[in-house]
C-alpha atoms as a PDB file:
ATOM      1  CA  MET A   1     148.319 122.670 134.940  1.00  0.00           C
ATOM      2  CA  VAL A   2     145.912 124.373 132.509  1.00  0.00           C
ATOM      3  CA  VAL A   3     142.881 125.941 134.191  1.00  0.00           C
ATOM      4  CA  LEU A   4     139.841 126.545 131.975  1.00  0.00           C
ATOM      5  CA  GLY A   5     136.764 128.605 132.665  1.00  0.00           C
ATOM      6  CA  LEU A   6     133.432 127.079 131.621  1.00  0.00           C
ATOM      7  CA  VAL A   7     130.407 129.199 130.738  1.00  0.00           C
ATOM      8  CA  GLY A   8     127.191 127.150 130.678  1.00  0.00           C
ATOM      9  CA  ARG A   9     125.275 124.670 132.828  1.00  0.00           C
ATOM     10  CA  GLY A  10     123.214 122.670 130.329  1.00  0.00           C
ATOM     11  CA  ALA A  11     123.571 119.092 129.118  1.00  0.00           C
ATOM     12  CA  TRP A  12     126.413 119.759 126.679  1.00  0.00           C
ATOM     13  CA  ALA A  13     128.296 121.872 129.222  1.00  0.00           C
ATOM     14  CA  ARG A  14     128.060 118.885 131.586  1.00  0.00           C
ATOM     15  CA  ASN A  15     129.468 116.611 128.846  1.00  0.00           C
ATOM     16  CA  ILE A  16     132.334 119.040 128.398  1.00  0.00           C
ATOM     17  CA  SER A  17     133.093 119.247 132.114  1.00  0.00           C
ATOM     18  CA  ALA A  18     133.049 115.456 132.437  1.00  0.00           C
ATOM     19  CA  THR A  19     135.429 115.149 129.490  1.00  0.00           C
ATOM     20  CA  LEU A  20     137.760 117.807 130.899  1.00  0.00           C
ATOM     21  CA  ASP A  21     137.951 115.716 134.072  1.00  0.00           C
ATOM     22  CA  THR A  22     139.550 112.915 132.014  1.00  0.00           C
ATOM     23  CA  LEU A  23     142.325 115.092 130.539  1.00  0.00           C
ATOM     24  CA  PRO A  24     145.654 115.056 132.408  1.00  0.00           C
ATOM     25  CA  ASP A  25     146.854 118.310 133.998  1.00  0.00           C
ATOM     26  CA  VAL A  26     143.624 120.128 133.184  1.00  0.00           C
ATOM     27  CA  ASP A  27     141.262 121.726 135.696  1.00  0.00           C
ATOM     28  CA  TRP A  28     138.156 123.834 135.165  1.00  0.00           C
ATOM     29  CA  VAL A  29     136.016 126.303 137.076  1.00  0.00           C
ATOM     30  CA  PRO A  30     132.612 127.826 136.307  1.00  0.00           C
ATOM     31  CA  VAL A  31     132.921 131.482 135.254  1.00  0.00           C
ATOM     32  CA  THR A  32     130.784 134.303 133.877  1.00  0.00           C
ATOM     33  CA  HIS A  33     133.533 136.847 133.101  1.00  0.00           C
ATOM     34  CA  PRO A  34     137.335 136.921 132.713  1.00  0.00           C
ATOM     35  CA  GLU A  35     139.246 135.803 135.804  1.00  0.00           C
ATOM     36  CA  PRO A  36     143.019 136.080 136.409  1.00  0.00           C
ATOM     37  CA  MET A  37     143.372 132.401 137.268  1.00  0.00           C
ATOM     38  CA  ILE A  38     142.079 130.952 133.970  1.00  0.00           C
ATOM     39  CA  ASP A  39     144.247 130.095 130.955  1.00  0.00           C
ATOM     40  CA  GLY A  40     141.317 129.801 128.551  1.00  0.00           C
ATOM     41  CA  VAL A  41     137.536 129.651 128.455  1.00  0.00           C
ATOM     42  CA  ILE A  42     134.889 127.377 126.945  1.00  0.00           C
ATOM     43  CA  ILE A  43     131.546 128.934 125.963  1.00  0.00           C
ATOM     44  CA  ALA A  44     128.795 126.293 126.088  1.00  0.00           C
ATOM     45  CA  ASN A  45     125.660 128.150 127.150  1.00  0.00           C
ATOM     46  CA  LYS A  46     122.552 128.944 125.081  1.00  0.00           C
ATOM     47  CA  SER A  47     123.340 129.365 121.384  1.00  0.00           C
ATOM     48  CA  GLN A  48     121.855 132.848 121.167  1.00  0.00           C
ATOM     49  CA  ASP A  49     124.178 133.978 124.003  1.00  0.00           C
ATOM     50  CA  HIS A  50     127.460 132.664 122.601  1.00  0.00           C
ATOM     51  CA  VAL A  51     128.731 135.922 121.121  1.00  0.00           C
ATOM     52  CA  SER A  52     127.682 138.210 123.980  1.00  0.00           C
ATOM     53  CA  SER A  53     129.255 135.760 126.445  1.00  0.00           C
ATOM     54  CA  VAL A  54     132.558 135.330 124.636  1.00  0.00           C
ATOM     55  CA  LEU A  55     133.257 138.959 123.669  1.00  0.00           C
ATOM     56  CA  PRO A  56     134.556 140.055 127.119  1.00  0.00           C
ATOM     57  CA  PHE A  57     137.000 137.121 127.105  1.00  0.00           C
ATOM     58  CA  VAL A  58     138.106 137.853 123.527  1.00  0.00           C
ATOM     59  CA  GLU A  59     138.683 141.516 124.376  1.00  0.00           C
ATOM     60  CA  ALA A  60     140.704 140.476 127.442  1.00  0.00           C
ATOM     61  CA  GLY A  61     142.975 138.306 125.272  1.00  0.00           C
ATOM     62  CA  VAL A  62     141.804 134.994 126.772  1.00  0.00           C
ATOM     63  CA  PRO A  63     141.958 131.976 124.404  1.00  0.00           C
ATOM     64  CA  CYS A  64     138.335 131.030 123.711  1.00  0.00           C
ATOM     65  CA  PHE A  65     136.542 127.856 122.660  1.00  0.00           C
ATOM     66  CA  VAL A  66     133.004 128.568 121.398  1.00  0.00           C
ATOM     67  CA  GLU A  67     130.571 125.689 120.949  1.00  0.00           C
ATOM     68  CA  LYS A  68     128.590 125.491 117.725  1.00  0.00           C
ATOM     69  CA  PRO A  69     126.934 127.487 116.494  1.00  0.00           C
ATOM     70  CA  LEU A  70     129.444 130.299 116.935  1.00  0.00           C
ATOM     71  CA  ALA A  71     126.509 132.677 116.515  1.00  0.00           C
ATOM     72  CA  THR A  72     122.863 132.521 115.500  1.00  0.00           C
ATOM     73  CA  ARG A  73     123.072 135.582 113.239  1.00  0.00           C
ATOM     74  CA  ILE A  74     125.732 136.436 110.681  1.00  0.00           C
ATOM     75  CA  GLU A  75     125.950 139.956 112.117  1.00  0.00           C
ATOM     76  CA  ASP A  76     126.991 138.570 115.493  1.00  0.00           C
ATOM     77  CA  PHE A  77     129.613 136.329 113.903  1.00  0.00           C
ATOM     78  CA  LEU A  78     131.089 139.319 112.080  1.00  0.00           C
ATOM     79  CA  ARG A  79     131.230 141.243 115.381  1.00  0.00           C
ATOM     80  CA  LEU A  80     133.124 138.345 116.928  1.00  0.00           C
ATOM     81  CA  GLU A  81     135.478 138.189 113.965  1.00  0.00           C
ATOM     82  CA  VAL A  82     136.285 141.914 114.207  1.00  0.00           C
ATOM     83  CA  ALA A  83     136.813 141.717 117.981  1.00  0.00           C
ATOM     84  CA  ALA A  84     139.139 138.710 117.692  1.00  0.00           C
ATOM     85  CA  GLU A  85     141.207 140.422 115.006  1.00  0.00           C
ATOM     86  CA  ALA A  86     141.459 143.636 117.037  1.00  0.00           C
ATOM     87  CA  ALA A  87     142.492 141.812 120.211  1.00  0.00           C
ATOM     88  CA  GLY A  88     144.805 139.379 118.448  1.00  0.00           C
ATOM     89  CA  GLY A  89     143.306 136.554 120.494  1.00  0.00           C
ATOM     90  CA  ALA A  90     142.718 132.945 119.540  1.00  0.00           C
ATOM     91  CA  VAL A  91     139.137 131.751 119.057  1.00  0.00           C
ATOM     92  CA  PHE A  92     138.626 128.015 118.591  1.00  0.00           C
ATOM     93  CA  ALA A  93     135.415 127.127 116.730  1.00  0.00           C
ATOM     94  CA  GLY A  94     133.701 124.137 118.311  1.00  0.00           C
ATOM     95  CA  HIS A  95     132.960 121.909 115.320  1.00  0.00           C
ATOM     96  CA  LEU A  96     132.892 118.435 116.852  1.00  0.00           C
ATOM     97  CA  HIS A  97     133.013 116.355 113.667  1.00  0.00           C
ATOM     98  CA  ARG A  98     136.239 117.963 112.535  1.00  0.00           C
ATOM     99  CA  PHE A  99     137.702 115.876 115.363  1.00  0.00           C
ATOM    100  CA  ASN A 100     135.586 112.747 114.858  1.00  0.00           C
ATOM    101  CA  PRO A 101     137.919 109.883 113.821  1.00  0.00           C
ATOM    102  CA  ALA A 102     135.168 108.308 111.689  1.00  0.00           C
ATOM    103  CA  ALA A 103     134.452 111.622 109.932  1.00  0.00           C
ATOM    104  CA  GLU A 104     138.177 112.010 109.312  1.00  0.00           C
ATOM    105  CA  ALA A 105     138.271 108.522 107.763  1.00  0.00           C
ATOM    106  CA  PHE A 106     135.284 109.441 105.571  1.00  0.00           C
ATOM    107  CA  CYS A 107     136.989 112.605 104.299  1.00  0.00           C
ATOM    108  CA  ALA A 108     140.337 110.852 103.804  1.00  0.00           C
ATOM    109  CA  ALA A 109     138.628 108.195 101.632  1.00  0.00           C
ATOM    110  CA  LEU A 110     136.883 110.688  99.317  1.00  0.00           C
ATOM    111  CA  PRO A 111     139.585 110.486  96.598  1.00  0.00           C
ATOM    112  CA  GLN A 112     138.799 106.766  96.257  1.00  0.00           C
ATOM    113  CA  ILE A 113     135.344 107.502  94.811  1.00  0.00           C
ATOM    114  CA  GLY A 114     136.620 109.962  92.209  1.00  0.00           C
ATOM    115  CA  SER A 115     135.243 113.416  91.494  1.00  0.00           C
ATOM    116  CA  ILE A 116     132.310 114.233  93.764  1.00  0.00           C
ATOM    117  CA  GLN A 117     128.983 114.459  91.945  1.00  0.00           C
ATOM    118  CA  SER A 118     126.627 115.110  94.865  1.00  0.00           C
ATOM    119  CA  VAL A 119     126.285 114.678  98.643  1.00  0.00           C
ATOM    120  CA  ARG A 120     123.265 114.125 100.890  1.00  0.00           C
ATOM    121  CA  ALA A 121     123.079 114.773 104.631  1.00  0.00           C
ATOM    122  CA  TYR A 122     120.383 113.886 107.157  1.00  0.00           C
ATOM    123  CA  CYS A 123     120.540 115.198 110.743  1.00  0.00           C
ATOM    124  CA  ALA A 124     117.810 114.598 113.289  1.00  0.00           C
ATOM    125  CA  ASN A 125     116.722 114.143 116.875  1.00  0.00           C
ATOM    126  CA  ASN A 126     113.657 114.851 119.001  1.00  0.00           C
ATOM    127  CA  ASN A 127     115.018 117.737 121.025  1.00  0.00           C
ATOM    128  CA  PRO A 128     113.539 121.118 119.977  1.00  0.00           C
ATOM    129  CA  ARG A 129     115.320 124.129 121.470  1.00  0.00           C
ATOM    130  CA  ASP A 130     114.014 127.567 122.330  1.00  0.00           C
ATOM    131  CA  ASP A 131     117.174 129.571 121.606  1.00  0.00           C
ATOM    132  CA  THR A 132     117.679 128.993 117.875  1.00  0.00           C
ATOM    133  CA  SER A 133     116.306 127.062 114.869  1.00  0.00           C
ATOM    134  CA  VAL A 134     117.149 123.568 113.665  1.00  0.00           C
ATOM    135  CA  ILE A 135     119.223 125.217 110.916  1.00  0.00           C
ATOM    136  CA  TRP A 136     121.751 126.720 113.319  1.00  0.00           C
ATOM    137  CA  ASP A 137     121.592 123.766 115.723  1.00  0.00           C
ATOM    138  CA  TRP A 138     122.090 120.804 113.355  1.00  0.00           C
ATOM    139  CA  LEU A 139     123.476 122.019 110.044  1.00  0.00           C
ATOM    140  CA  PRO A 140     126.857 123.217 111.394  1.00  0.00           C
ATOM    141  CA  HIS A 141     127.770 119.519 111.635  1.00  0.00           C
ATOM    142  CA  PRO A 142     127.603 118.611 107.917  1.00  0.00           C
ATOM    143  CA  LEU A 143     128.632 122.104 106.818  1.00  0.00           C
ATOM    144  CA  SER A 144     131.816 121.924 108.909  1.00  0.00           C
ATOM    145  CA  MET A 145     132.856 118.999 106.673  1.00  0.00           C
ATOM    146  CA  ALA A 146     131.792 120.583 103.377  1.00  0.00           C
ATOM    147  CA  ARG A 147     135.090 122.324 102.527  1.00  0.00           C
ATOM    148  CA  GLN A 148     136.939 119.002 102.818  1.00  0.00           C
ATOM    149  CA  ILE A 149     134.335 117.330 100.628  1.00  0.00           C
ATOM    150  CA  PHE A 150     133.977 119.928  97.866  1.00  0.00           C
ATOM    151  CA  GLY A 151     137.252 121.842  98.142  1.00  0.00           C
ATOM    152  CA  SER A 152     135.519 125.217  97.817  1.00  0.00           C
ATOM    153  CA  PRO A 153     132.802 127.284  99.525  1.00  0.00           C
ATOM    154  CA  ALA A 154     129.161 127.092  98.439  1.00  0.00           C
ATOM    155  CA  ASP A 155     127.883 129.507  95.795  1.00  0.00           C
ATOM    156  CA  GLN A 156     124.128 129.410  96.410  1.00  0.00           C
ATOM    157  CA  ALA A 157     121.507 128.118  98.835  1.00  0.00           C
ATOM    158  CA  ARG A 158     117.823 127.424  98.727  1.00  0.00           C
ATOM    159  CA  ALA A 159     115.772 126.044 101.592  1.00  0.00           C
ATOM    160  CA  TYR A 160     112.237 125.325 102.755  1.00  0.00           C
ATOM    161  CA  SER A 161     110.933 125.274 106.311  1.00  0.00           C
ATOM    162  CA  LEU A 162     108.669 122.214 106.513  1.00  0.00           C
ATOM    163  CA  ARG A 163     107.644 122.915 110.119  1.00  0.00           C
ATOM    164  CA  GLY A 164     108.078 126.003 112.248  1.00  0.00           C
ATOM    165  CA  ARG A 165     107.935 128.827 109.685  1.00  0.00           C
ATOM    166  CA  ASP A 166     110.365 131.581 110.830  1.00  0.00           C
ATOM    167  CA  ARG A 167     111.996 129.282 113.427  1.00  0.00           C
ATOM    168  CA  PRO A 168     112.269 126.032 111.488  1.00  0.00           C
ATOM    169  CA  LEU A 169     111.838 122.759 113.355  1.00  0.00           C
ATOM    170  CA  HIS A 170     112.273 120.722 110.156  1.00  0.00           C
ATOM    171  CA  VAL A 171     114.070 122.067 107.101  1.00  0.00           C
ATOM    172  CA  VAL A 172     115.320 120.876 103.730  1.00  0.00           C
ATOM    173  CA  ALA A 173     118.047 122.766 101.887  1.00  0.00           C
ATOM    174  CA  GLN A 174     120.278 122.523  98.854  1.00  0.00           C
ATOM    175  CA  LEU A 175     123.674 124.164  98.465  1.00  0.00           C
ATOM    176  CA  LEU A 176     125.540 124.407  95.183  1.00  0.00           C
ATOM    177  CA  TYR A 177     129.315 124.069  95.031  1.00  0.00           C
ATOM    178  CA  GLN A 178     130.332 125.006  91.488  1.00  0.00           C
ATOM    179  CA  GLY A 179     127.289 123.129  90.213  1.00  0.00           C
ATOM    180  CA  ARG A 180     127.610 120.142  92.570  1.00  0.00           C
ATOM    181  CA  ARG A 181     124.679 119.583  94.944  1.00  0.00           C
ATOM    182  CA  PHE A 182     124.735 119.222  98.698  1.00  0.00           C
ATOM    183  CA  ASP A 183     121.214 118.227  99.761  1.00  0.00           C
ATOM    184  CA  LEU A 184     120.547 118.619 103.476  1.00  0.00           C
ATOM    185  CA  GLU A 185     117.662 117.752 105.777  1.00  0.00           C
ATOM    186  CA  ALA A 186     117.525 118.555 109.481  1.00  0.00           C
ATOM    187  CA  SER A 187     114.720 117.835 111.929  1.00  0.00           C
ATOM    188  CA  TRP A 188     113.947 118.205 115.618  1.00  0.00           C
ATOM    189  CA  LEU A 189     110.822 116.062 115.146  1.00  0.00           C
ATOM    190  CA  ALA A 190     112.347 112.646 114.429  1.00  0.00           C
ATOM    191  CA  SER A 191     111.689 109.515 116.460  1.00  0.00           C
ATOM    192  CA  SER A 192     115.418 108.790 116.798  1.00  0.00           C
ATOM    193  CA  ALA A 193     118.742 110.615 116.499  1.00  0.00           C
ATOM    194  CA  ALA A 194     120.595 110.449 113.186  1.00  0.00           C
ATOM    195  CA  PHE A 195     123.537 111.999 111.390  1.00  0.00           C
ATOM    196  CA  ARG A 196     124.394 110.572 107.964  1.00  0.00           C
ATOM    197  CA  LEU A 197     126.361 111.741 104.949  1.00  0.00           C
ATOM    198  CA  ILE A 198     126.284 109.974 101.576  1.00  0.00           C
ATOM    199  CA  ALA A 199     128.788 111.105  98.953  1.00  0.00           C
ATOM    200  CA  GLU A 200     128.307 110.008  95.337  1.00  0.00           C
ATOM    201  CA  GLY A 201     131.458 110.016  93.227  1.00  0.00           C
ATOM    202  CA  ARG A 202     132.325 109.071  89.692  1.00  0.00           C
ATOM    203  CA  ASP A 203     133.868 105.806  90.916  1.00  0.00           C
ATOM    204  CA  GLY A 204     131.759 104.848  93.916  1.00  0.00           C
ATOM    205  CA  ARG A 205     129.832 105.868  97.011  1.00  0.00           C
ATOM    206  CA  LEU A 206     130.967 106.685 100.536  1.00  0.00           C
ATOM    207  CA  ILE A 207     128.723 106.661 103.626  1.00  0.00           C
ATOM    208  CA  PHE A 208     129.345 108.190 107.036  1.00  0.00           C
ATOM    209  CA  ASP A 209     126.732 107.218 109.643  1.00  0.00           C
ATOM    210  CA  ASP A 210     127.598 108.541 113.072  1.00  0.00           C
ATOM    211  CA  LYS A 211     124.940 106.413 114.800  1.00  0.00           C
ATOM    212  CA  ALA A 212     125.850 103.093 113.132  1.00  0.00           C
ATOM    213  CA  ALA A 213     127.914 100.337 114.693  1.00  0.00           C
ATOM    214  CA  HIS A 214     130.390 100.759 111.839  1.00  0.00           C
ATOM    215  CA  LYS A 215     130.386 104.373 110.796  1.00  0.00           C
ATOM    216  CA  VAL A 216     132.184 104.476 107.423  1.00  0.00           C
ATOM    217  CA  LEU A 217     131.404 102.313 104.388  1.00  0.00           C
ATOM    218  CA  LEU A 218     132.963 102.442 100.914  1.00  0.00           C
ATOM    219  CA  PHE A 219     130.993 101.060  97.946  1.00  0.00           C
ATOM    220  CA  GLN A 220     132.829 100.335  94.693  1.00  0.00           C
ATOM    221  CA  GLU A 221     131.810  98.008  91.847  1.00  0.00           C
ATOM    222  CA  GLY A 222     129.136  96.362  93.978  1.00  0.00           C
ATOM    223  CA  VAL A 223     131.499  95.654  96.881  1.00  0.00           C
ATOM    224  CA  CYS A 224     131.025  97.183 100.350  1.00  0.00           C
ATOM    225  CA  GLN A 225     134.203  97.787 102.352  1.00  0.00           C
ATOM    226  CA  PRO A 226     134.059  98.952 105.998  1.00  0.00           C
ATOM    227  CA  LEU A 227     136.821 101.483 106.675  1.00  0.00           C
ATOM    228  CA  THR A 228     138.829 101.583 109.896  1.00  0.00           C
ATOM    229  CA  TYR A 229     139.167 104.533 112.269  1.00  0.00           C
ATOM    230  CA  GLU A 230     140.295 105.213 115.826  1.00  0.00           C
ATOM    231  CA  ASN A 231     137.842 104.767 118.697  1.00  0.00           C
ATOM    232  CA  GLU A 232     138.711 107.907 120.655  1.00  0.00           C
ATOM    233  CA  LEU A 233     135.728 110.113 121.507  1.00  0.00           C
ATOM    234  CA  PRO A 234     135.488 113.212 119.276  1.00  0.00           C
ATOM    235  CA  LEU A 235     134.919 115.539 122.236  1.00  0.00           C
ATOM    236  CA  SER A 236     138.100 114.293 123.931  1.00  0.00           C
ATOM    237  CA  ARG A 237     140.121 114.974 120.794  1.00  0.00           C
ATOM    238  CA  GLU A 238     138.542 118.379 120.291  1.00  0.00           C
ATOM    239  CA  LEU A 239     139.128 119.591 123.854  1.00  0.00           C
ATOM    240  CA  ARG A 240     142.668 118.230 123.849  1.00  0.00           C
ATOM    241  CA  ALA A 241     143.340 120.206 120.653  1.00  0.00           C
ATOM    242  CA  PHE A 242     142.136 123.368 122.419  1.00  0.00           C
ATOM    243  CA  VAL A 243     144.320 122.671 125.450  1.00  0.00           C
ATOM    244  CA  ASP A 244     147.334 121.967 123.207  1.00  0.00           C
ATOM    245  CA  MET A 245     146.734 125.321 121.501  1.00  0.00           C
ATOM    246  CA  ILE A 246     146.793 127.068 124.888  1.00  0.00           C
ATOM    247  CA  ARG A 247     149.986 125.255 125.846  1.00  0.00           C
ATOM    248  CA  GLY A 248     151.626 126.253 122.570  1.00  0.00           C
ATOM    249  CA  VAL A 249     152.055 122.622 121.567  1.00  0.00           C
ATOM    250  CA  SER A 250     150.042 123.091 118.353  1.00  0.00           C
ATOM    251  CA  ARG A 251     148.374 125.810 116.317  1.00  0.00           C
ATOM    252  CA  ASN A 252     144.655 126.551 116.429  1.00  0.00           C
ATOM    253  CA  ALA A 253     143.107 123.478 114.767  1.00  0.00           C
ATOM    254  CA  SER A 254     139.702 125.146 114.262  1.00  0.00           C
ATOM    255  CA  PRO A 255     140.168 128.913 113.737  1.00  0.00           C
ATOM    256  CA  LEU A 256     137.438 131.441 112.966  1.00  0.00           C
ATOM    257  CA  SER A 257     138.650 131.611 109.371  1.00  0.00           C
ATOM    258  CA  ALA A 258     137.764 127.930 108.935  1.00  0.00           C
ATOM    259  CA  ALA A 259     134.253 128.591 110.283  1.00  0.00           C
ATOM    260  CA  LYS A 260     133.462 131.478 107.933  1.00  0.00           C
ATOM    261  CA  ASP A 261     132.077 129.314 105.128  1.00  0.00           C
ATOM    262  CA  VAL A 262     129.828 127.534 107.621  1.00  0.00           C
ATOM    263  CA  MET A 263     128.388 130.749 109.026  1.00  0.00           C
ATOM    264  CA  HIS A 264     127.678 132.307 105.637  1.00  0.00           C
ATOM    265  CA  SER A 265     126.052 129.077 104.415  1.00  0.00           C
ATOM    266  CA  LEU A 266     123.822 128.951 107.522  1.00  0.00           C
ATOM    267  CA  ASP A 267     122.838 132.569 106.976  1.00  0.00           C
ATOM    268  CA  ALA A 268     121.937 131.937 103.319  1.00  0.00           C
ATOM    269  CA  ILE A 269     119.904 128.833 104.200  1.00  0.00           C
ATOM    270  CA  SER A 270     118.000 130.801 106.858  1.00  0.00           C
ATOM    271  CA  ARG A 271     117.258 133.657 104.476  1.00  0.00           C
ATOM    272  CA  SER A 272     116.077 131.295 101.732  1.00  0.00           C
ATOM    273  CA  ALA A 273     113.807 129.429 104.175  1.00  0.00           C
ATOM    274  CA  ARG A 274     112.226 132.731 105.261  1.00  0.00           C
ATOM    275  CA  ARG A 275     111.653 133.550 101.577  1.00  0.00           C
ATOM    276  CA  MET A 276     109.995 130.157 100.930  1.00  0.00           C
ATOM    277  CA  GLY A 277     112.789 128.658  98.848  1.00  0.00           C
ATOM    278  CA  GLU A 278     114.011 131.691  96.952  1.00  0.00           C
ATOM    279  CA  PRO A 279     117.646 131.081  95.872  1.00  0.00           C
ATOM    280  CA  VAL A 280     120.177 133.104  97.869  1.00  0.00           C
ATOM    281  CA  ALA A 281     123.713 133.797  96.672  1.00  0.00           C
ATOM    282  CA  ILE A 282     126.343 133.182  99.347  1.00  0.00           C
ATOM    283  CA  ASN A 283     128.641 136.123  99.910  1.00  0.00           C
ATOM    284  CA  TRP A 284     131.035 134.050 102.000  1.00  0.00           C
ATOM    285  CA  GLN A 285     133.876 136.551 101.568  1.00  0.00           C
ATOM    286  CA  GLY A 286     131.822 139.377 103.091  1.00  0.00           C
END
């Protein structure tokens, strides 16, 4: 039996607890600090509290799952990175769409459309939060897929806050990946929830629409082909991957190193938005 601690009581923490209840030989208990009886911990409280909440567990050597965003400031992410390295503990970055079967099918099909020319992403709902901006809330989703799409980290960002000024409620951004564009829009002011990616390649177009009945479509030579994918819920797959890591069945499927590009891109987008669209170079290695 694997016993997990859960930090958080909001809507997503309740989704996590309900999903944990479906996993065999897994139990969970609410916690606020390291306890001898837990084998790992899941941090799913307010975004701005993620790093301060997880650090005591990291320092105690407890395997940790941290919901996105890992942090809401690059400085806090770097603190977490240093602490995890010093303690030698495993930190699992909660990037849901890395475990979404439809997103996996989208990424696996990218070679079919040839060299990527550009990508567009639209993320939206009507659920403003008081603990972060729409940048750190929504954009981790498309950015967590960017390395698979472009094969390299972004070089530069520019962004504009359309509503909300220093705490954007609606933002548009553009990242450059060796000259290839990733145009992003995220809003908390939409009438309905949406998460779409459209990749334009030399030989076709690929669409991932997480809210559609069929989520992945391939367009080539005027023909639309729906692509197949498993029906398992992404959260179930993600939490099972964390549990398997704790059991030693598999390696960490979403390590901090894989989240570094995301965090530096979010930081650059935020800084550009504050500077009213001034281009910001991304020092993702720093």
